[in-house]
Amino acid sequence: MTSPPDTAPQGLIRDSGLAGLAAAAEVGVQGASAAAWLIPISGLVLVLFLVVHLAGVSLALLDPTTFEQVAEVLHRQPWLPPLELALAAALLLHPLLALLRSASNRQARGAVAGPQRSRRDGGLEAAAALAGRWAPWSGALLLVFLVVHLAQLRLHRPAAGAELEALLAALASPFSLGLYGLAGAAVGLHLLQGYESAHRSLGWLEPGNRERIRWAGRALALLLGAGFSVLPIALVLRASLAAGMP
């Protein structure tokens, strides 16, 4: 008498396969959810750093003596290395997660027939939409600038009282001066759309505050973009004028 075929192993394989797919899907959903808030949070942390950094570097133009004193005190603080590591983590995490999310969204959408059009009208709305499309390029430029900047001023930290001298030495190269100016413009372009986008991703953008957040982002983009673009040029011009004085 022939016994019926044993289908239990096949059923177990099928069930375990489905369970594995379900677990993978759950991990994917959790990963997407984590990225959805890690990207804007890391971005806002970097924006806060840029505001503080611009205020500090502006002292180099407004009051060089105070700038050197602040830099000397800051570099002696025990919390500075952990803070720099946290900022480095945010700098790496933000673009990496943004690229992964962009690839995931592109895969989910599939091929799109024809170019995507913005729903925003002209003027600043169109500029913000354009900034969003250019965000990967402005972000890439900022990463290039960061590597150059760290190599110039942080891998070999200037001695106490020589911070401004080291900065001016770096800016003496036309390539560096141009890169610093372009990086400032990239910051402004990135923030023109990114500030509002971060608030939207975190669920903080509502009909009642949408316009305030939008205009705050534009003002911040103008402040940081213009500040980081103009400041290096102003420092070089002042140094040149001072060198030409009898």
C-alpha atoms as a PDB file:
ATOM      1  CA  MET A   1       0.000   0.000   0.000  1.00  0.00           C
ATOM      2  CA  THR A   2       1.433   3.334  -1.076  1.00  0.00           C
ATOM      3  CA  SER A   3       1.499   6.046   1.582  1.00  0.00           C
ATOM      4  CA  PRO A   4       0.351   9.571   0.671  1.00  0.00           C
ATOM      5  CA  PRO A   5       3.104  12.035  -0.179  1.00  0.00           C
ATOM      6  CA  ASP A   6       4.453  13.994   2.740  1.00  0.00           C
ATOM      7  CA  THR A   7       3.548  17.630   2.070  1.00  0.00           C
ATOM      8  CA  ALA A   8       4.425  18.889   5.552  1.00  0.00           C
ATOM      9  CA  PRO A   9       7.983  19.935   4.661  1.00  0.00           C
ATOM     10  CA  GLN A  10       6.727  21.875   1.646  1.00  0.00           C
ATOM     11  CA  GLY A  11       4.134  23.572   3.814  1.00  0.00           C
ATOM     12  CA  LEU A  12       6.765  24.434   6.379  1.00  0.00           C
ATOM     13  CA  ILE A  13       9.029  25.847   3.681  1.00  0.00           C
ATOM     14  CA  ARG A  14       6.165  27.881   2.239  1.00  0.00           C
ATOM     15  CA  ASP A  15       5.128  29.179   5.671  1.00  0.00           C
ATOM     16  CA  SER A  16       8.689  30.013   6.680  1.00  0.00           C
ATOM     17  CA  GLY A  17       9.214  31.784   3.344  1.00  0.00           C
ATOM     18  CA  LEU A  18       6.107  33.888   3.848  1.00  0.00           C
ATOM     19  CA  ALA A  19       7.180  34.643   7.405  1.00  0.00           C
ATOM     20  CA  GLY A  20      10.595  35.714   6.123  1.00  0.00           C
ATOM     21  CA  LEU A  21       9.047  38.002   3.527  1.00  0.00           C
ATOM     22  CA  ALA A  22       6.737  39.492   6.146  1.00  0.00           C
ATOM     23  CA  ALA A  23       9.657  40.072   8.507  1.00  0.00           C
ATOM     24  CA  ALA A  24      11.696  41.674   5.715  1.00  0.00           C
ATOM     25  CA  ALA A  25       8.763  43.895   4.779  1.00  0.00           C
ATOM     26  CA  GLU A  26       8.339  44.939   8.412  1.00  0.00           C
ATOM     27  CA  VAL A  27      12.035  45.771   8.683  1.00  0.00           C
ATOM     28  CA  GLY A  28      11.767  47.765   5.448  1.00  0.00           C
ATOM     29  CA  VAL A  29       8.799  49.727   6.759  1.00  0.00           C
ATOM     30  CA  GLN A  30      10.568  50.410  10.043  1.00  0.00           C
ATOM     31  CA  GLY A  31      13.708  51.475   8.178  1.00  0.00           C
ATOM     32  CA  ALA A  32      11.730  53.829   5.943  1.00  0.00           C
ATOM     33  CA  SER A  33       9.967  55.248   8.995  1.00  0.00           C
ATOM     34  CA  ALA A  34      13.291  55.822  10.769  1.00  0.00           C
ATOM     35  CA  ALA A  35      14.770  57.495   7.689  1.00  0.00           C
ATOM     36  CA  ALA A  36      11.684  59.696   7.390  1.00  0.00           C
ATOM     37  CA  TRP A  37      12.538  61.445  10.655  1.00  0.00           C
ATOM     38  CA  LEU A  38      16.327  60.941  10.771  1.00  0.00           C
ATOM     39  CA  ILE A  39      16.802  62.889   7.527  1.00  0.00           C
ATOM     40  CA  PRO A  40      15.008  66.073   8.690  1.00  0.00           C
ATOM     41  CA  ILE A  41      16.334  65.856  12.260  1.00  0.00           C
ATOM     42  CA  SER A  42      19.943  65.539  11.089  1.00  0.00           C
ATOM     43  CA  GLY A  43      19.330  68.366   8.621  1.00  0.00           C
ATOM     44  CA  LEU A  44      17.961  70.707  11.286  1.00  0.00           C
ATOM     45  CA  VAL A  45      20.885  69.868  13.592  1.00  0.00           C
ATOM     46  CA  LEU A  46      23.267  70.871  10.810  1.00  0.00           C
ATOM     47  CA  VAL A  47      21.323  74.091  10.207  1.00  0.00           C
ATOM     48  CA  LEU A  48      21.666  74.992  13.895  1.00  0.00           C
ATOM     49  CA  PHE A  49      25.401  74.345  13.663  1.00  0.00           C
ATOM     50  CA  LEU A  50      25.670  76.555  10.567  1.00  0.00           C
ATOM     51  CA  VAL A  51      23.920  79.438  12.332  1.00  0.00           C
ATOM     52  CA  VAL A  52      26.309  79.216  15.299  1.00  0.00           C
ATOM     53  CA  HIS A  53      29.315  78.720  13.010  1.00  0.00           C
ATOM     54  CA  LEU A  54      28.472  81.764  10.875  1.00  0.00           C
ATOM     55  CA  ALA A  55      28.070  83.881  14.014  1.00  0.00           C
ATOM     56  CA  GLY A  56      31.468  82.722  15.260  1.00  0.00           C
ATOM     57  CA  VAL A  57      33.318  83.162  11.973  1.00  0.00           C
ATOM     58  CA  SER A  58      31.754  86.617  11.511  1.00  0.00           C
ATOM     59  CA  LEU A  59      33.844  87.727  14.485  1.00  0.00           C
ATOM     60  CA  ALA A  60      36.914  87.243  12.285  1.00  0.00           C
ATOM     61  CA  LEU A  61      35.673  90.186  10.226  1.00  0.00           C
ATOM     62  CA  LEU A  62      34.060  92.281  12.947  1.00  0.00           C
ATOM     63  CA  ASP A  63      36.500  91.753  15.838  1.00  0.00           C
ATOM     64  CA  PRO A  64      39.569  89.616  15.034  1.00  0.00           C
ATOM     65  CA  THR A  65      40.925  89.764  18.592  1.00  0.00           C
ATOM     66  CA  THR A  66      37.696  88.428  20.073  1.00  0.00           C
ATOM     67  CA  PHE A  67      37.562  85.811  17.315  1.00  0.00           C
ATOM     68  CA  GLU A  68      40.969  84.439  18.317  1.00  0.00           C
ATOM     69  CA  GLN A  69      40.039  84.478  22.007  1.00  0.00           C
ATOM     70  CA  VAL A  70      36.779  82.623  21.386  1.00  0.00           C
ATOM     71  CA  ALA A  71      38.548  80.059  19.178  1.00  0.00           C
ATOM     72  CA  GLU A  72      41.230  79.460  21.819  1.00  0.00           C
ATOM     73  CA  VAL A  73      38.671  78.948  24.599  1.00  0.00           C
ATOM     74  CA  LEU A  74      36.499  76.735  22.400  1.00  0.00           C
ATOM     75  CA  HIS A  75      39.360  74.422  21.435  1.00  0.00           C
ATOM     76  CA  ARG A  76      40.143  73.781  25.118  1.00  0.00           C
ATOM     77  CA  GLN A  77      36.640  72.508  25.929  1.00  0.00           C
ATOM     78  CA  PRO A  78      36.377  68.759  26.736  1.00  0.00           C
ATOM     79  CA  TRP A  79      32.979  68.526  25.039  1.00  0.00           C
ATOM     80  CA  LEU A  80      34.274  69.733  21.670  1.00  0.00           C
ATOM     81  CA  PRO A  81      35.574  66.360  20.336  1.00  0.00           C
ATOM     82  CA  PRO A  82      32.289  64.520  21.138  1.00  0.00           C
ATOM     83  CA  LEU A  83      30.349  67.378  19.549  1.00  0.00           C
ATOM     84  CA  GLU A  84      32.505  67.212  16.419  1.00  0.00           C
ATOM     85  CA  LEU A  85      31.926  63.447  16.220  1.00  0.00           C
ATOM     86  CA  ALA A  86      28.158  63.966  16.533  1.00  0.00           C
ATOM     87  CA  LEU A  87      28.234  66.581  13.780  1.00  0.00           C
ATOM     88  CA  ALA A  88      30.319  64.265  11.598  1.00  0.00           C
ATOM     89  CA  ALA A  89      27.738  61.512  12.131  1.00  0.00           C
ATOM     90  CA  ALA A  90      24.939  63.890  11.117  1.00  0.00           C
ATOM     91  CA  LEU A  91      26.927  64.999   8.059  1.00  0.00           C
ATOM     92  CA  LEU A  92      27.347  61.394   6.928  1.00  0.00           C
ATOM     93  CA  LEU A  93      23.875  60.217   7.905  1.00  0.00           C
ATOM     94  CA  HIS A  94      21.928  63.018   6.219  1.00  0.00           C
ATOM     95  CA  PRO A  95      23.113  62.549   2.598  1.00  0.00           C
ATOM     96  CA  LEU A  96      23.346  58.761   2.880  1.00  0.00           C
ATOM     97  CA  LEU A  97      19.753  58.368   4.057  1.00  0.00           C
ATOM     98  CA  ALA A  98      18.566  60.947   1.527  1.00  0.00           C
ATOM     99  CA  LEU A  99      20.173  58.963  -1.308  1.00  0.00           C
ATOM    100  CA  LEU A 100      18.678  55.694  -0.057  1.00  0.00           C
ATOM    101  CA  ARG A 101      15.229  57.264   0.223  1.00  0.00           C
ATOM    102  CA  SER A 102      15.515  58.781  -3.244  1.00  0.00           C
ATOM    103  CA  ALA A 103      16.484  55.412  -4.735  1.00  0.00           C
ATOM    104  CA  SER A 104      13.624  53.699  -2.896  1.00  0.00           C
ATOM    105  CA  ASN A 105      11.103  56.292  -4.084  1.00  0.00           C
ATOM    106  CA  ARG A 106      12.363  56.028  -7.659  1.00  0.00           C
ATOM    107  CA  GLN A 107      12.041  52.247  -7.564  1.00  0.00           C
ATOM    108  CA  ALA A 108       8.531  52.460  -6.110  1.00  0.00           C
ATOM    109  CA  ARG A 109       7.393  54.963  -8.773  1.00  0.00           C
ATOM    110  CA  GLY A 110       8.941  53.113 -11.665  1.00  0.00           C
ATOM    111  CA  ALA A 111       9.476  54.859 -14.958  1.00  0.00           C
ATOM    112  CA  VAL A 112       7.777  58.251 -15.162  1.00  0.00           C
ATOM    113  CA  ALA A 113       6.609  59.333 -18.597  1.00  0.00           C
ATOM    114  CA  GLY A 114       7.934  62.794 -19.323  1.00  0.00           C
ATOM    115  CA  PRO A 115       9.509  65.300 -16.946  1.00  0.00           C
ATOM    116  CA  GLN A 116       7.856  65.944 -13.606  1.00  0.00           C
ATOM    117  CA  ARG A 117       6.427  69.423 -13.256  1.00  0.00           C
ATOM    118  CA  SER A 118       6.213  71.444 -10.073  1.00  0.00           C
ATOM    119  CA  ARG A 119       2.793  72.398  -8.774  1.00  0.00           C
ATOM    120  CA  ARG A 120       4.209  75.674  -7.488  1.00  0.00           C
ATOM    121  CA  ASP A 121       3.765  78.953  -9.305  1.00  0.00           C
ATOM    122  CA  GLY A 122       6.513  81.306 -10.448  1.00  0.00           C
ATOM    123  CA  GLY A 123       8.864  83.453  -8.405  1.00  0.00           C
ATOM    124  CA  LEU A 124      10.176  82.086  -5.129  1.00  0.00           C
ATOM    125  CA  GLU A 125       7.874  79.072  -5.355  1.00  0.00           C
ATOM    126  CA  ALA A 126       9.477  77.998  -8.618  1.00  0.00           C
ATOM    127  CA  ALA A 127      12.935  78.708  -7.172  1.00  0.00           C
ATOM    128  CA  ALA A 128      12.172  76.486  -4.173  1.00  0.00           C
ATOM    129  CA  ALA A 129      10.984  73.704  -6.477  1.00  0.00           C
ATOM    130  CA  LEU A 130      14.162  74.067  -8.546  1.00  0.00           C
ATOM    131  CA  ALA A 131      16.242  73.979  -5.355  1.00  0.00           C
ATOM    132  CA  GLY A 132      14.552  70.700  -4.452  1.00  0.00           C
ATOM    133  CA  ARG A 133      15.522  69.157  -7.794  1.00  0.00           C
ATOM    134  CA  TRP A 134      19.080  70.419  -7.408  1.00  0.00           C
ATOM    135  CA  ALA A 135      19.389  69.287  -3.776  1.00  0.00           C
ATOM    136  CA  PRO A 136      21.569  66.242  -4.608  1.00  0.00           C
ATOM    137  CA  TRP A 137      24.014  68.459  -6.501  1.00  0.00           C
ATOM    138  CA  SER A 138      24.173  71.196  -3.885  1.00  0.00           C
ATOM    139  CA  GLY A 139      24.623  68.499  -1.236  1.00  0.00           C
ATOM    140  CA  ALA A 140      27.455  66.900  -3.228  1.00  0.00           C
ATOM    141  CA  LEU A 141      29.184  70.276  -3.566  1.00  0.00           C
ATOM    142  CA  LEU A 142      28.910  70.798   0.191  1.00  0.00           C
ATOM    143  CA  LEU A 143      30.510  67.407   0.840  1.00  0.00           C
ATOM    144  CA  VAL A 144      33.428  68.312  -1.457  1.00  0.00           C
ATOM    145  CA  PHE A 145      33.803  71.626   0.348  1.00  0.00           C
ATOM    146  CA  LEU A 146      33.705  69.909   3.732  1.00  0.00           C
ATOM    147  CA  VAL A 147      36.571  67.583   2.801  1.00  0.00           C
ATOM    148  CA  VAL A 148      38.682  70.532   1.616  1.00  0.00           C
ATOM    149  CA  HIS A 149      37.760  72.673   4.631  1.00  0.00           C
ATOM    150  CA  LEU A 150      38.625  69.972   7.160  1.00  0.00           C
ATOM    151  CA  ALA A 151      41.903  69.219   5.389  1.00  0.00           C
ATOM    152  CA  GLN A 152      42.842  72.906   5.509  1.00  0.00           C
ATOM    153  CA  LEU A 153      41.816  73.871   9.036  1.00  0.00           C
ATOM    154  CA  ARG A 154      40.985  70.833  11.157  1.00  0.00           C
ATOM    155  CA  LEU A 155      43.330  67.943  10.353  1.00  0.00           C
ATOM    156  CA  HIS A 156      46.135  70.245  11.487  1.00  0.00           C
ATOM    157  CA  ARG A 157      44.428  72.603  13.908  1.00  0.00           C
ATOM    158  CA  PRO A 158      46.048  76.056  13.966  1.00  0.00           C
ATOM    159  CA  ALA A 159      47.958  77.118  17.049  1.00  0.00           C
ATOM    160  CA  ALA A 160      46.337  79.426  19.574  1.00  0.00           C
ATOM    161  CA  GLY A 161      46.057  82.913  18.132  1.00  0.00           C
ATOM    162  CA  ALA A 162      46.720  81.745  14.562  1.00  0.00           C
ATOM    163  CA  GLU A 163      43.189  80.737  13.527  1.00  0.00           C
ATOM    164  CA  LEU A 164      42.563  83.794  11.339  1.00  0.00           C
ATOM    165  CA  GLU A 165      46.031  83.558   9.805  1.00  0.00           C
ATOM    166  CA  ALA A 166      45.367  79.930   8.817  1.00  0.00           C
ATOM    167  CA  LEU A 167      41.973  80.845   7.368  1.00  0.00           C
ATOM    168  CA  LEU A 168      43.457  83.651   5.277  1.00  0.00           C
ATOM    169  CA  ALA A 169      46.211  81.316   4.073  1.00  0.00           C
ATOM    170  CA  ALA A 170      43.552  78.870   2.888  1.00  0.00           C
ATOM    171  CA  LEU A 171      41.596  81.633   1.154  1.00  0.00           C
ATOM    172  CA  ALA A 172      44.723  82.903  -0.621  1.00  0.00           C
ATOM    173  CA  SER A 173      44.172  80.231  -3.257  1.00  0.00           C
ATOM    174  CA  PRO A 174      41.661  81.349  -5.929  1.00  0.00           C
ATOM    175  CA  PHE A 175      40.374  77.768  -6.063  1.00  0.00           C
ATOM    176  CA  SER A 176      39.672  77.743  -2.322  1.00  0.00           C
ATOM    177  CA  LEU A 177      38.092  81.192  -2.390  1.00  0.00           C
ATOM    178  CA  GLY A 178      35.823  80.162  -5.259  1.00  0.00           C
ATOM    179  CA  LEU A 179      34.932  76.890  -3.538  1.00  0.00           C
ATOM    180  CA  TYR A 180      34.041  78.703  -0.307  1.00  0.00           C
ATOM    181  CA  GLY A 181      31.797  81.096  -2.223  1.00  0.00           C
ATOM    182  CA  LEU A 182      30.086  78.297  -4.151  1.00  0.00           C
ATOM    183  CA  ALA A 183      29.594  76.326  -0.944  1.00  0.00           C
ATOM    184  CA  GLY A 184      27.824  79.314   0.596  1.00  0.00           C
ATOM    185  CA  ALA A 185      25.507  79.507  -2.410  1.00  0.00           C
ATOM    186  CA  ALA A 186      24.897  75.754  -2.122  1.00  0.00           C
ATOM    187  CA  VAL A 187      23.896  76.175   1.537  1.00  0.00           C
ATOM    188  CA  GLY A 188      21.339  78.808   0.573  1.00  0.00           C
ATOM    189  CA  LEU A 189      20.002  76.710  -2.293  1.00  0.00           C
ATOM    190  CA  HIS A 190      19.746  73.609  -0.107  1.00  0.00           C
ATOM    191  CA  LEU A 191      17.868  75.486   2.615  1.00  0.00           C
ATOM    192  CA  LEU A 192      15.484  77.238   0.232  1.00  0.00           C
ATOM    193  CA  GLN A 193      13.535  74.014  -0.046  1.00  0.00           C
ATOM    194  CA  GLY A 194      15.018  71.844   2.701  1.00  0.00           C
ATOM    195  CA  TYR A 195      13.857  73.863   5.705  1.00  0.00           C
ATOM    196  CA  GLU A 196      10.196  73.608   4.758  1.00  0.00           C
ATOM    197  CA  SER A 197      10.618  69.998   3.654  1.00  0.00           C
ATOM    198  CA  ALA A 198      12.105  69.031   7.039  1.00  0.00           C
ATOM    199  CA  HIS A 199       9.139  70.496   8.906  1.00  0.00           C
ATOM    200  CA  ARG A 200       6.751  68.711   6.547  1.00  0.00           C
ATOM    201  CA  SER A 201       8.500  65.360   7.061  1.00  0.00           C
ATOM    202  CA  LEU A 202       8.295  65.743  10.840  1.00  0.00           C
ATOM    203  CA  GLY A 203       4.608  66.633  10.713  1.00  0.00           C
ATOM    204  CA  TRP A 204       5.224  70.165  11.964  1.00  0.00           C
ATOM    205  CA  LEU A 205       3.901  71.887   8.826  1.00  0.00           C
ATOM    206  CA  GLU A 206       0.235  72.804   9.204  1.00  0.00           C
ATOM    207  CA  PRO A 207      -2.107  75.203   7.387  1.00  0.00           C
ATOM    208  CA  GLY A 208      -1.830  77.650  10.273  1.00  0.00           C
ATOM    209  CA  ASN A 209       1.966  77.884  10.263  1.00  0.00           C
ATOM    210  CA  ARG A 210       2.863  76.951   6.683  1.00  0.00           C
ATOM    211  CA  GLU A 211       3.548  80.497   5.489  1.00  0.00           C
ATOM    212  CA  ARG A 212       5.560  81.416   8.599  1.00  0.00           C
ATOM    213  CA  ILE A 213       7.766  78.331   8.265  1.00  0.00           C
ATOM    214  CA  ARG A 214       8.137  78.884   4.524  1.00  0.00           C
ATOM    215  CA  TRP A 215       9.262  82.495   4.922  1.00  0.00           C
ATOM    216  CA  ALA A 216      11.486  81.632   7.890  1.00  0.00           C
ATOM    217  CA  GLY A 217      13.210  79.067   5.678  1.00  0.00           C
ATOM    218  CA  ARG A 218      13.684  81.613   2.901  1.00  0.00           C
ATOM    219  CA  ALA A 219      15.109  84.173   5.314  1.00  0.00           C
ATOM    220  CA  LEU A 220      17.459  81.581   6.797  1.00  0.00           C
ATOM    221  CA  ALA A 221      18.537  80.470   3.318  1.00  0.00           C
ATOM    222  CA  LEU A 222      19.327  84.081   2.388  1.00  0.00           C
ATOM    223  CA  LEU A 223      21.175  84.757   5.656  1.00  0.00           C
ATOM    224  CA  LEU A 224      23.356  81.653   5.572  1.00  0.00           C
ATOM    225  CA  GLY A 225      23.812  81.578   1.810  1.00  0.00           C
ATOM    226  CA  ALA A 226      24.829  85.222   1.544  1.00  0.00           C
ATOM    227  CA  GLY A 227      26.797  85.123   4.794  1.00  0.00           C
ATOM    228  CA  PHE A 228      28.976  82.150   3.881  1.00  0.00           C
ATOM    229  CA  SER A 229      29.419  83.421   0.298  1.00  0.00           C
ATOM    230  CA  VAL A 230      30.331  87.028   1.113  1.00  0.00           C
ATOM    231  CA  LEU A 231      32.346  86.521   4.314  1.00  0.00           C
ATOM    232  CA  PRO A 232      35.388  84.831   2.700  1.00  0.00           C
ATOM    233  CA  ILE A 233      35.574  87.551   0.039  1.00  0.00           C
ATOM    234  CA  ALA A 234      35.279  90.273   2.687  1.00  0.00           C
ATOM    235  CA  LEU A 235      38.074  88.704   4.749  1.00  0.00           C
ATOM    236  CA  VAL A 236      40.395  88.536   1.737  1.00  0.00           C
ATOM    237  CA  LEU A 237      39.606  92.128   0.715  1.00  0.00           C
ATOM    238  CA  ARG A 238      40.247  93.449   4.217  1.00  0.00           C
ATOM    239  CA  ALA A 239      43.536  91.551   4.433  1.00  0.00           C
ATOM    240  CA  SER A 240      44.573  92.927   1.031  1.00  0.00           C
ATOM    241  CA  LEU A 241      43.729  96.483   2.050  1.00  0.00           C
ATOM    242  CA  ALA A 242      45.583  96.080   5.339  1.00  0.00           C
ATOM    243  CA  ALA A 243      48.646  94.725   3.519  1.00  0.00           C
ATOM    244  CA  GLY A 244      48.637  97.715   1.164  1.00  0.00           C
ATOM    245  CA  MET A 245      48.560 100.288   3.945  1.00  0.00           C
ATOM    246  CA  PRO A 246      51.877 102.031   4.749  1.00  0.00           C
END
